[in-house]
Every structure is written in C-alpha cells, then in structure tokens.
Amino acid sequence: FQHYYITNNLRMPPKKKEEDSKKKEEEPKLSEVNFKSKDPQTLYHLLFSKEENILWRSCDALYNYSLVGEQNKTELLGMGTVKAAIPHLSSTDAATRRSSIMLVNSLAQIEESRVEIREQEVVAALINLLKPEEGVMTHEHATKCILTIADQYTTKSLILENGGIELLVQLITDPDPLVQQNTLETIELLSADCQCRISLNEANVVTSLLEALSCEYPAIQQLALKVMYLSVKRSVSGPL
C-alpha cells in the first residue's frame, strides 16, 4: 500500500531553455509530488483543506508516514491526526473515504487512539464504510478498524445499533480474503454478546459461514468453522 517515489534525477547542467522549462515544472502547484513531504506537520494541516484532491492525497501521505513505525504513529497521534481525519470518513468523495479510513485504521493500532474511535458517531461512520458500494481497500481497512475496537461491550452495542451486524454477515463471503478474515474475527468477538448473537442468527450468519467453508484459503475455512462452533456453543451455554 505504500507509494514512494524517487524524485531526484542525476543530470548534466541544463541549457537556458531547459532551465526555464525546469523552473516552470517546479512552480508550486497542488499535484501529487507536493504530498511527498517528510514533514508530517505540513501534511497534517492539509487535512483541513476544503478540496477533496488535497484531502485524500494528504491522508495517503500521512498513512505512508505512519507505516514507517510505532514512533511515527505516536507522533501523528500527538498532533491530533485521528481527530482531524475522522470527519473525512463520511466524505461524499470515495477516494477521501478510502484514504481516511486507511489512515485512521493505521493509527487505531495504537491503544491511545481508540478512545476517540470508539465514539458513537465514529463507529457509525465505520459501519457505513462496510456498504457494498465501497471498494475493497475501504472494506479491508474498515473491517480491520472495527475488529480493533470490537472487544469492548459498548462498542459491540454501537455496532449492533448502527446496523453493523447485517453488513458484516454479508462480508463473510467477500472475494477478498483479508476482508473475510477481519470480518470473521470481528464476528467471533461479537458472538460473545447475547444480543449480538440474536442479531447474527436473524441475519442468517450460519448460511454465510457454511459458504465460507468452501473458500479456497484453508485459513478462512478454519476461521469460519471456529466462529460457527463458538457461536453454537455460546448460544447453548448462554452469556459468558
């Protein structure tokens, strides 16, 4: 998912005509090259732009910066990057929604960020990103982000209240194995809650799990079988 570009070219001293052309090319403009800045503060401030092409490119650049390591993630958290990126999860622009969830999900892997992500309006925005019209990349990061926060009772309740159960059940049979894995692991966590189990049964989760058993990936088959077993066991034994 990383997008790094080599921008330094070795060349002989250009002639005057070439210098004029080069100068024109290097004039400040809002193009992709402007978002390769190594200064996260600059990229952070671009998150407040009103232009979608600036927003998704800045989210992309910050996402790539966060992938370098935990120190970079912590630095971005300290700036308030999660709070700044969250509103873009509900953007009308698909590219902005995709890039912002990639950034939010990356930072969600740091425990300190999850307080903000567990807020009711954020969970609702994450659930909306599970809808069929979203792309594979959006589904992958949205399911991973939901999985990261689905261990707490309050988050499970919010997932249930915002219609997340039905959308997750649909994604059990998604063609993308990472989406399937994230979804199955999330449902495993949700099945520990009595009300979520009822909703899972109403959404016909067993049919989707049976279909996942025929997946070409053995790991997905095993996970689907495990989720089915736990769901049945918990339904019989009652709340844990």
C-alpha atoms as a PDB file:
ATOM      1  CA  PHE A   1       0.000   0.000   0.000  1.00  0.00           C
ATOM      2  CA  GLN A   2       2.974   2.284   0.227  1.00  0.00           C
ATOM      3  CA  HIS A   3       3.553   4.816  -2.533  1.00  0.00           C
ATOM      4  CA  TYR A   4       7.111   6.059  -2.511  1.00  0.00           C
ATOM      5  CA  TYR A   5       8.585   7.840  -5.482  1.00  0.00           C
ATOM      6  CA  ILE A   6      12.175   8.667  -6.454  1.00  0.00           C
ATOM      7  CA  THR A   7      12.190  12.289  -7.466  1.00  0.00           C
ATOM      8  CA  ASN A   8      15.900  13.138  -7.700  1.00  0.00           C
ATOM      9  CA  ASN A   9      17.322  12.702 -11.177  1.00  0.00           C
ATOM     10  CA  LEU A  10      21.024  12.967 -11.969  1.00  0.00           C
ATOM     11  CA  ARG A  11      21.587  15.180 -14.973  1.00  0.00           C
ATOM     12  CA  MET A  12      24.147  17.464 -16.583  1.00  0.00           C
ATOM     13  CA  PRO A  13      23.789  21.233 -16.065  1.00  0.00           C
ATOM     14  CA  PRO A  14      20.855  22.191 -18.328  1.00  0.00           C
ATOM     15  CA  LYS A  15      20.910  24.794 -21.017  1.00  0.00           C
ATOM     16  CA  LYS A  16      18.982  28.020 -20.528  1.00  0.00           C
ATOM     17  CA  LYS A  17      15.916  26.737 -22.365  1.00  0.00           C
ATOM     18  CA  GLU A  18      15.925  23.614 -20.215  1.00  0.00           C
ATOM     19  CA  GLU A  19      16.329  25.753 -17.079  1.00  0.00           C
ATOM     20  CA  ASP A  20      13.235  27.754 -17.995  1.00  0.00           C
ATOM     21  CA  SER A  21      11.304  24.547 -18.573  1.00  0.00           C
ATOM     22  CA  LYS A  22      12.501  23.067 -15.280  1.00  0.00           C
ATOM     23  CA  LYS A  23      11.635  26.251 -13.413  1.00  0.00           C
ATOM     24  CA  LYS A  24       8.120  26.113 -14.834  1.00  0.00           C
ATOM     25  CA  GLU A  25       7.742  22.499 -13.771  1.00  0.00           C
ATOM     26  CA  GLU A  26       8.873  23.305 -10.228  1.00  0.00           C
ATOM     27  CA  GLU A  27       6.437  26.152  -9.680  1.00  0.00           C
ATOM     28  CA  PRO A  28       4.256  25.499  -6.617  1.00  0.00           C
ATOM     29  CA  LYS A  29       1.192  23.519  -7.578  1.00  0.00           C
ATOM     30  CA  LEU A  30      -1.238  21.114  -5.949  1.00  0.00           C
ATOM     31  CA  SER A  31      -0.018  17.912  -7.529  1.00  0.00           C
ATOM     32  CA  GLU A  32       0.946  14.541  -6.139  1.00  0.00           C
ATOM     33  CA  VAL A  33       4.589  15.457  -5.713  1.00  0.00           C
ATOM     34  CA  ASN A  34       3.656  18.088  -3.105  1.00  0.00           C
ATOM     35  CA  PHE A  35       2.415  15.322  -0.824  1.00  0.00           C
ATOM     36  CA  LYS A  36       5.731  13.512  -0.553  1.00  0.00           C
ATOM     37  CA  SER A  37       6.807  15.894   2.206  1.00  0.00           C
ATOM     38  CA  LYS A  38       8.730  14.337   5.073  1.00  0.00           C
ATOM     39  CA  ASP A  39       7.272  16.934   7.429  1.00  0.00           C
ATOM     40  CA  PRO A  40       4.108  15.454   8.985  1.00  0.00           C
ATOM     41  CA  GLN A  41       3.081  18.857  10.343  1.00  0.00           C
ATOM     42  CA  THR A  42       2.709  20.170   6.812  1.00  0.00           C
ATOM     43  CA  LEU A  43       0.650  17.154   5.805  1.00  0.00           C
ATOM     44  CA  TYR A  44      -1.448  17.405   8.962  1.00  0.00           C
ATOM     45  CA  HIS A  45      -2.503  20.975   8.156  1.00  0.00           C
ATOM     46  CA  LEU A  46      -3.648  19.840   4.708  1.00  0.00           C
ATOM     47  CA  LEU A  47      -6.298  17.691   6.423  1.00  0.00           C
ATOM     48  CA  PHE A  48      -8.280  20.899   6.949  1.00  0.00           C
ATOM     49  CA  SER A  49      -8.430  21.745   3.265  1.00  0.00           C
ATOM     50  CA  LYS A  50     -11.811  22.114   1.569  1.00  0.00           C
ATOM     51  CA  GLU A  51     -10.609  20.384  -1.602  1.00  0.00           C
ATOM     52  CA  GLU A  52     -11.076  16.633  -1.924  1.00  0.00           C
ATOM     53  CA  ASN A  53      -7.995  16.041  -4.075  1.00  0.00           C
ATOM     54  CA  ILE A  54      -5.874  17.634  -1.356  1.00  0.00           C
ATOM     55  CA  LEU A  55      -7.600  15.709   1.425  1.00  0.00           C
ATOM     56  CA  TRP A  56      -7.149  12.215   0.033  1.00  0.00           C
ATOM     57  CA  ARG A  57      -3.561  12.859  -1.006  1.00  0.00           C
ATOM     58  CA  SER A  58      -2.656  14.207   2.434  1.00  0.00           C
ATOM     59  CA  CYS A  59      -4.337  11.191   4.079  1.00  0.00           C
ATOM     60  CA  ASP A  60      -2.373   8.894   1.775  1.00  0.00           C
ATOM     61  CA  ALA A  61       0.894  10.616   2.616  1.00  0.00           C
ATOM     62  CA  LEU A  62       0.223  10.507   6.369  1.00  0.00           C
ATOM     63  CA  TYR A  63      -0.763   6.846   6.079  1.00  0.00           C
ATOM     64  CA  ASN A  64       2.555   6.056   4.407  1.00  0.00           C
ATOM     65  CA  TYR A  65       4.344   8.043   7.112  1.00  0.00           C
ATOM     66  CA  SER A  66       2.574   6.035   9.825  1.00  0.00           C
ATOM     67  CA  LEU A  67       3.701   2.748   8.281  1.00  0.00           C
ATOM     68  CA  VAL A  68       7.352   3.543   8.973  1.00  0.00           C
ATOM     69  CA  GLY A  69       6.976   2.519  12.619  1.00  0.00           C
ATOM     70  CA  GLU A  70       5.383   2.969  16.035  1.00  0.00           C
ATOM     71  CA  GLN A  71       7.308   6.164  16.671  1.00  0.00           C
ATOM     72  CA  ASN A  72       5.739   7.809  13.635  1.00  0.00           C
ATOM     73  CA  LYS A  73       2.271   6.647  14.653  1.00  0.00           C
ATOM     74  CA  THR A  74       2.780   8.085  18.138  1.00  0.00           C
ATOM     75  CA  GLU A  75       3.985  11.352  16.643  1.00  0.00           C
ATOM     76  CA  LEU A  76       0.864  11.619  14.489  1.00  0.00           C
ATOM     77  CA  LEU A  77      -1.363  10.835  17.467  1.00  0.00           C
ATOM     78  CA  GLY A  78       0.275  13.653  19.401  1.00  0.00           C
ATOM     79  CA  MET A  79      -0.655  16.092  16.640  1.00  0.00           C
ATOM     80  CA  GLY A  80      -4.321  15.129  16.786  1.00  0.00           C
ATOM     81  CA  THR A  81      -4.297  13.387  13.414  1.00  0.00           C
ATOM     82  CA  VAL A  82      -7.043  10.917  14.329  1.00  0.00           C
ATOM     83  CA  LYS A  83      -9.448  13.691  15.301  1.00  0.00           C
ATOM     84  CA  ALA A  84      -8.617  15.612  12.130  1.00  0.00           C
ATOM     85  CA  ALA A  85      -9.084  12.577   9.869  1.00  0.00           C
ATOM     86  CA  ILE A  86     -12.311  11.224  11.381  1.00  0.00           C
ATOM     87  CA  PRO A  87     -14.699  13.712   9.673  1.00  0.00           C
ATOM     88  CA  HIS A  88     -13.397  12.590   6.279  1.00  0.00           C
ATOM     89  CA  LEU A  89     -14.695   9.055   6.886  1.00  0.00           C
ATOM     90  CA  SER A  90     -18.102  10.456   5.920  1.00  0.00           C
ATOM     91  CA  SER A  91     -16.905  12.428   2.900  1.00  0.00           C
ATOM     92  CA  THR A  92     -19.010  12.398  -0.265  1.00  0.00           C
ATOM     93  CA  ASP A  93     -15.821  11.569  -2.180  1.00  0.00           C
ATOM     94  CA  ALA A  94     -14.931   7.858  -2.383  1.00  0.00           C
ATOM     95  CA  ALA A  95     -11.178   8.462  -2.626  1.00  0.00           C
ATOM     96  CA  THR A  96     -11.246  10.605   0.510  1.00  0.00           C
ATOM     97  CA  ARG A  97     -13.228   7.983   2.418  1.00  0.00           C
ATOM     98  CA  ARG A  98     -10.771   5.303   1.344  1.00  0.00           C
ATOM     99  CA  SER A  99      -7.630   7.253   2.243  1.00  0.00           C
ATOM    100  CA  SER A 100      -9.007   8.500   5.561  1.00  0.00           C
ATOM    101  CA  ILE A 101     -10.006   5.018   6.751  1.00  0.00           C
ATOM    102  CA  MET A 102      -6.547   3.738   5.793  1.00  0.00           C
ATOM    103  CA  LEU A 103      -5.017   6.452   7.979  1.00  0.00           C
ATOM    104  CA  VAL A 104      -7.455   6.014  10.886  1.00  0.00           C
ATOM    105  CA  ASN A 105      -7.056   2.236  10.840  1.00  0.00           C
ATOM    106  CA  SER A 106      -3.271   2.507  10.869  1.00  0.00           C
ATOM    107  CA  LEU A 107      -3.373   4.781  13.914  1.00  0.00           C
ATOM    108  CA  ALA A 108      -6.033   2.607  15.569  1.00  0.00           C
ATOM    109  CA  GLN A 109      -3.344   0.005  16.101  1.00  0.00           C
ATOM    110  CA  ILE A 110      -2.049   2.287  18.875  1.00  0.00           C
ATOM    111  CA  GLU A 111      -4.131   1.807  22.023  1.00  0.00           C
ATOM    112  CA  GLU A 112      -4.210   5.522  22.897  1.00  0.00           C
ATOM    113  CA  SER A 113      -6.140   6.363  19.728  1.00  0.00           C
ATOM    114  CA  ARG A 114      -9.048   4.039  20.364  1.00  0.00           C
ATOM    115  CA  VAL A 115     -10.908   6.256  22.822  1.00  0.00           C
ATOM    116  CA  GLU A 116     -11.762   8.678  20.012  1.00  0.00           C
ATOM    117  CA  ILE A 117     -12.507   5.896  17.522  1.00  0.00           C
ATOM    118  CA  ARG A 118     -14.977   4.251  19.908  1.00  0.00           C
ATOM    119  CA  GLU A 119     -17.191   7.355  19.927  1.00  0.00           C
ATOM    120  CA  GLN A 120     -20.738   6.732  18.700  1.00  0.00           C
ATOM    121  CA  GLU A 121     -20.516   8.895  15.563  1.00  0.00           C
ATOM    122  CA  VAL A 122     -17.193   7.343  14.566  1.00  0.00           C
ATOM    123  CA  VAL A 123     -18.492   3.779  14.895  1.00  0.00           C
ATOM    124  CA  ALA A 124     -21.495   4.803  12.784  1.00  0.00           C
ATOM    125  CA  ALA A 125     -19.146   6.175  10.111  1.00  0.00           C
ATOM    126  CA  LEU A 126     -17.091   2.969  10.161  1.00  0.00           C
ATOM    127  CA  ILE A 127     -20.231   0.873   9.721  1.00  0.00           C
ATOM    128  CA  ASN A 128     -21.237   2.963   6.694  1.00  0.00           C
ATOM    129  CA  LEU A 129     -17.897   2.074   5.105  1.00  0.00           C
ATOM    130  CA  LEU A 130     -18.968  -1.585   5.057  1.00  0.00           C
ATOM    131  CA  LYS A 131     -21.698  -0.931   2.480  1.00  0.00           C
ATOM    132  CA  PRO A 132     -21.445  -2.801  -0.842  1.00  0.00           C
ATOM    133  CA  GLU A 133     -20.753   0.329  -2.893  1.00  0.00           C
ATOM    134  CA  GLU A 134     -17.404   0.882  -1.168  1.00  0.00           C
ATOM    135  CA  GLY A 135     -14.205  -0.538  -2.663  1.00  0.00           C
ATOM    136  CA  VAL A 136     -12.131  -3.482  -1.479  1.00  0.00           C
ATOM    137  CA  MET A 137      -9.458  -1.270   0.107  1.00  0.00           C
ATOM    138  CA  THR A 138     -12.086   0.614   2.087  1.00  0.00           C
ATOM    139  CA  HIS A 139     -13.690  -2.636   3.242  1.00  0.00           C
ATOM    140  CA  GLU A 140     -10.337  -4.084   4.223  1.00  0.00           C
ATOM    141  CA  HIS A 141      -9.341  -1.164   6.453  1.00  0.00           C
ATOM    142  CA  ALA A 142     -12.836  -0.542   7.820  1.00  0.00           C
ATOM    143  CA  THR A 143     -13.234  -4.170   8.926  1.00  0.00           C
ATOM    144  CA  LYS A 144      -9.771  -4.140  10.473  1.00  0.00           C
ATOM    145  CA  CYS A 145     -10.522  -0.925  12.351  1.00  0.00           C
ATOM    146  CA  ILE A 146     -13.824  -2.292  13.646  1.00  0.00           C
ATOM    147  CA  LEU A 147     -12.094  -5.503  14.698  1.00  0.00           C
ATOM    148  CA  THR A 148      -9.573  -3.446  16.666  1.00  0.00           C
ATOM    149  CA  ILE A 149     -12.272  -1.787  18.781  1.00  0.00           C
ATOM    150  CA  ALA A 150     -14.888  -4.574  18.919  1.00  0.00           C
ATOM    151  CA  ASP A 151     -13.518  -6.122  22.101  1.00  0.00           C
ATOM    152  CA  GLN A 152     -15.473  -3.799  24.394  1.00  0.00           C
ATOM    153  CA  TYR A 153     -19.144  -4.173  25.281  1.00  0.00           C
ATOM    154  CA  THR A 154     -20.035  -0.562  24.494  1.00  0.00           C
ATOM    155  CA  THR A 155     -18.548  -0.852  21.010  1.00  0.00           C
ATOM    156  CA  LYS A 156     -20.434  -4.090  20.370  1.00  0.00           C
ATOM    157  CA  SER A 157     -23.650  -2.292  21.313  1.00  0.00           C
ATOM    158  CA  LEU A 158     -22.862   0.552  18.914  1.00  0.00           C
ATOM    159  CA  ILE A 159     -22.119  -1.889  16.090  1.00  0.00           C
ATOM    160  CA  LEU A 160     -25.473  -3.536  16.765  1.00  0.00           C
ATOM    161  CA  GLU A 161     -27.371  -0.232  16.988  1.00  0.00           C
ATOM    162  CA  ASN A 162     -25.920   1.061  13.715  1.00  0.00           C
ATOM    163  CA  GLY A 163     -26.811  -1.977  11.635  1.00  0.00           C
ATOM    164  CA  GLY A 164     -23.302  -3.372  11.542  1.00  0.00           C
ATOM    165  CA  ILE A 165     -24.307  -6.999  12.066  1.00  0.00           C
ATOM    166  CA  GLU A 166     -26.105  -7.357   8.720  1.00  0.00           C
ATOM    167  CA  LEU A 167     -23.260  -5.696   6.801  1.00  0.00           C
ATOM    168  CA  LEU A 168     -20.630  -7.847   8.495  1.00  0.00           C
ATOM    169  CA  VAL A 169     -22.540 -11.030   7.719  1.00  0.00           C
ATOM    170  CA  GLN A 170     -22.613 -10.034   4.037  1.00  0.00           C
ATOM    171  CA  LEU A 171     -18.842  -9.557   4.056  1.00  0.00           C
ATOM    172  CA  ILE A 172     -18.197 -13.096   5.336  1.00  0.00           C
ATOM    173  CA  THR A 173     -18.324 -14.230   1.718  1.00  0.00           C
ATOM    174  CA  ASP A 174     -16.423 -11.269   0.280  1.00  0.00           C
ATOM    175  CA  PRO A 175     -13.970 -12.265  -2.503  1.00  0.00           C
ATOM    176  CA  ASP A 176     -11.081 -10.571  -0.696  1.00  0.00           C
ATOM    177  CA  PRO A 177      -9.515 -12.915   1.921  1.00  0.00           C
ATOM    178  CA  LEU A 178      -8.345 -10.073   4.171  1.00  0.00           C
ATOM    179  CA  VAL A 179     -11.866  -8.676   4.335  1.00  0.00           C
ATOM    180  CA  GLN A 180     -13.124 -12.164   5.129  1.00  0.00           C
ATOM    181  CA  GLN A 181     -10.558 -12.675   7.866  1.00  0.00           C
ATOM    182  CA  ASN A 182     -11.223  -9.323   9.531  1.00  0.00           C
ATOM    183  CA  THR A 183     -14.973  -9.920   9.331  1.00  0.00           C
ATOM    184  CA  LEU A 184     -14.856 -13.418  10.778  1.00  0.00           C
ATOM    185  CA  GLU A 185     -12.613 -12.334  13.652  1.00  0.00           C
ATOM    186  CA  THR A 186     -14.976  -9.450  14.401  1.00  0.00           C
ATOM    187  CA  ILE A 187     -17.997 -11.743  14.405  1.00  0.00           C
ATOM    188  CA  GLU A 188     -16.134 -14.067  16.749  1.00  0.00           C
ATOM    189  CA  LEU A 189     -15.849 -11.182  19.228  1.00  0.00           C
ATOM    190  CA  LEU A 190     -19.465 -10.102  18.712  1.00  0.00           C
ATOM    191  CA  SER A 191     -20.797 -13.619  19.288  1.00  0.00           C
ATOM    192  CA  ALA A 192     -19.727 -13.346  22.937  1.00  0.00           C
ATOM    193  CA  ASP A 193     -22.601 -10.861  23.424  1.00  0.00           C
ATOM    194  CA  CYS A 194     -26.115 -12.275  23.784  1.00  0.00           C
ATOM    195  CA  GLN A 195     -27.911  -9.528  21.813  1.00  0.00           C
ATOM    196  CA  CYS A 196     -25.325  -9.685  19.036  1.00  0.00           C
ATOM    197  CA  ARG A 197     -25.823 -13.461  18.798  1.00  0.00           C
ATOM    198  CA  ILE A 198     -29.548 -12.952  18.349  1.00  0.00           C
ATOM    199  CA  SER A 199     -28.921 -10.424  15.564  1.00  0.00           C
ATOM    200  CA  LEU A 200     -26.347 -12.702  13.940  1.00  0.00           C
ATOM    201  CA  ASN A 201     -28.865 -15.531  13.845  1.00  0.00           C
ATOM    202  CA  GLU A 202     -31.524 -13.203  12.426  1.00  0.00           C
ATOM    203  CA  ALA A 203     -29.031 -12.181   9.712  1.00  0.00           C
ATOM    204  CA  ASN A 204     -28.645 -15.872   8.830  1.00  0.00           C
ATOM    205  CA  VAL A 205     -24.964 -15.973   9.763  1.00  0.00           C
ATOM    206  CA  VAL A 206     -24.827 -19.769   9.608  1.00  0.00           C
ATOM    207  CA  THR A 207     -25.578 -19.789   5.873  1.00  0.00           C
ATOM    208  CA  SER A 208     -22.741 -17.352   5.215  1.00  0.00           C
ATOM    209  CA  LEU A 209     -20.372 -19.341   7.436  1.00  0.00           C
ATOM    210  CA  LEU A 210     -21.209 -22.537   5.567  1.00  0.00           C
ATOM    211  CA  GLU A 211     -20.461 -20.778   2.294  1.00  0.00           C
ATOM    212  CA  ALA A 212     -17.129 -19.567   3.703  1.00  0.00           C
ATOM    213  CA  LEU A 213     -16.193 -23.188   4.410  1.00  0.00           C
ATOM    214  CA  SER A 214     -15.817 -23.684   0.665  1.00  0.00           C
ATOM    215  CA  CYS A 215     -13.309 -20.831   0.400  1.00  0.00           C
ATOM    216  CA  GLU A 216     -10.065 -21.718  -1.394  1.00  0.00           C
ATOM    217  CA  TYR A 217      -7.996 -20.484   1.559  1.00  0.00           C
ATOM    218  CA  PRO A 218      -7.621 -23.075   4.363  1.00  0.00           C
ATOM    219  CA  ALA A 219      -7.115 -20.333   6.968  1.00  0.00           C
ATOM    220  CA  ILE A 220     -10.512 -18.828   6.111  1.00  0.00           C
ATOM    221  CA  GLN A 221     -12.134 -22.266   6.242  1.00  0.00           C
ATOM    222  CA  GLN A 222     -10.698 -22.925   9.691  1.00  0.00           C
ATOM    223  CA  LEU A 223     -11.720 -19.496  10.959  1.00  0.00           C
ATOM    224  CA  ALA A 224     -15.268 -19.906   9.649  1.00  0.00           C
ATOM    225  CA  LEU A 225     -15.508 -23.304  11.347  1.00  0.00           C
ATOM    226  CA  LYS A 226     -14.195 -21.846  14.607  1.00  0.00           C
ATOM    227  CA  VAL A 227     -16.710 -18.972  14.524  1.00  0.00           C
ATOM    228  CA  MET A 228     -19.548 -21.396  13.809  1.00  0.00           C
ATOM    229  CA  TYR A 229     -18.518 -23.654  16.662  1.00  0.00           C
ATOM    230  CA  LEU A 230     -18.200 -20.775  19.141  1.00  0.00           C
ATOM    231  CA  SER A 231     -21.499 -19.246  18.053  1.00  0.00           C
ATOM    232  CA  VAL A 232     -23.343 -22.533  18.601  1.00  0.00           C
ATOM    233  CA  LYS A 233     -21.555 -23.229  21.895  1.00  0.00           C
ATOM    234  CA  ARG A 234     -22.284 -19.744  23.241  1.00  0.00           C
ATOM    235  CA  SER A 235     -25.929 -19.929  22.144  1.00  0.00           C
ATOM    236  CA  VAL A 236     -26.330 -23.175  24.108  1.00  0.00           C
ATOM    237  CA  SER A 237     -24.393 -22.102  27.200  1.00  0.00           C
ATOM    238  CA  GLY A 238     -25.707 -18.522  27.308  1.00  0.00           C
ATOM    239  CA  PRO A 239     -23.786 -15.312  28.087  1.00  0.00           C
ATOM    240  CA  LEU A 240     -20.163 -15.754  29.155  1.00  0.00           C
END
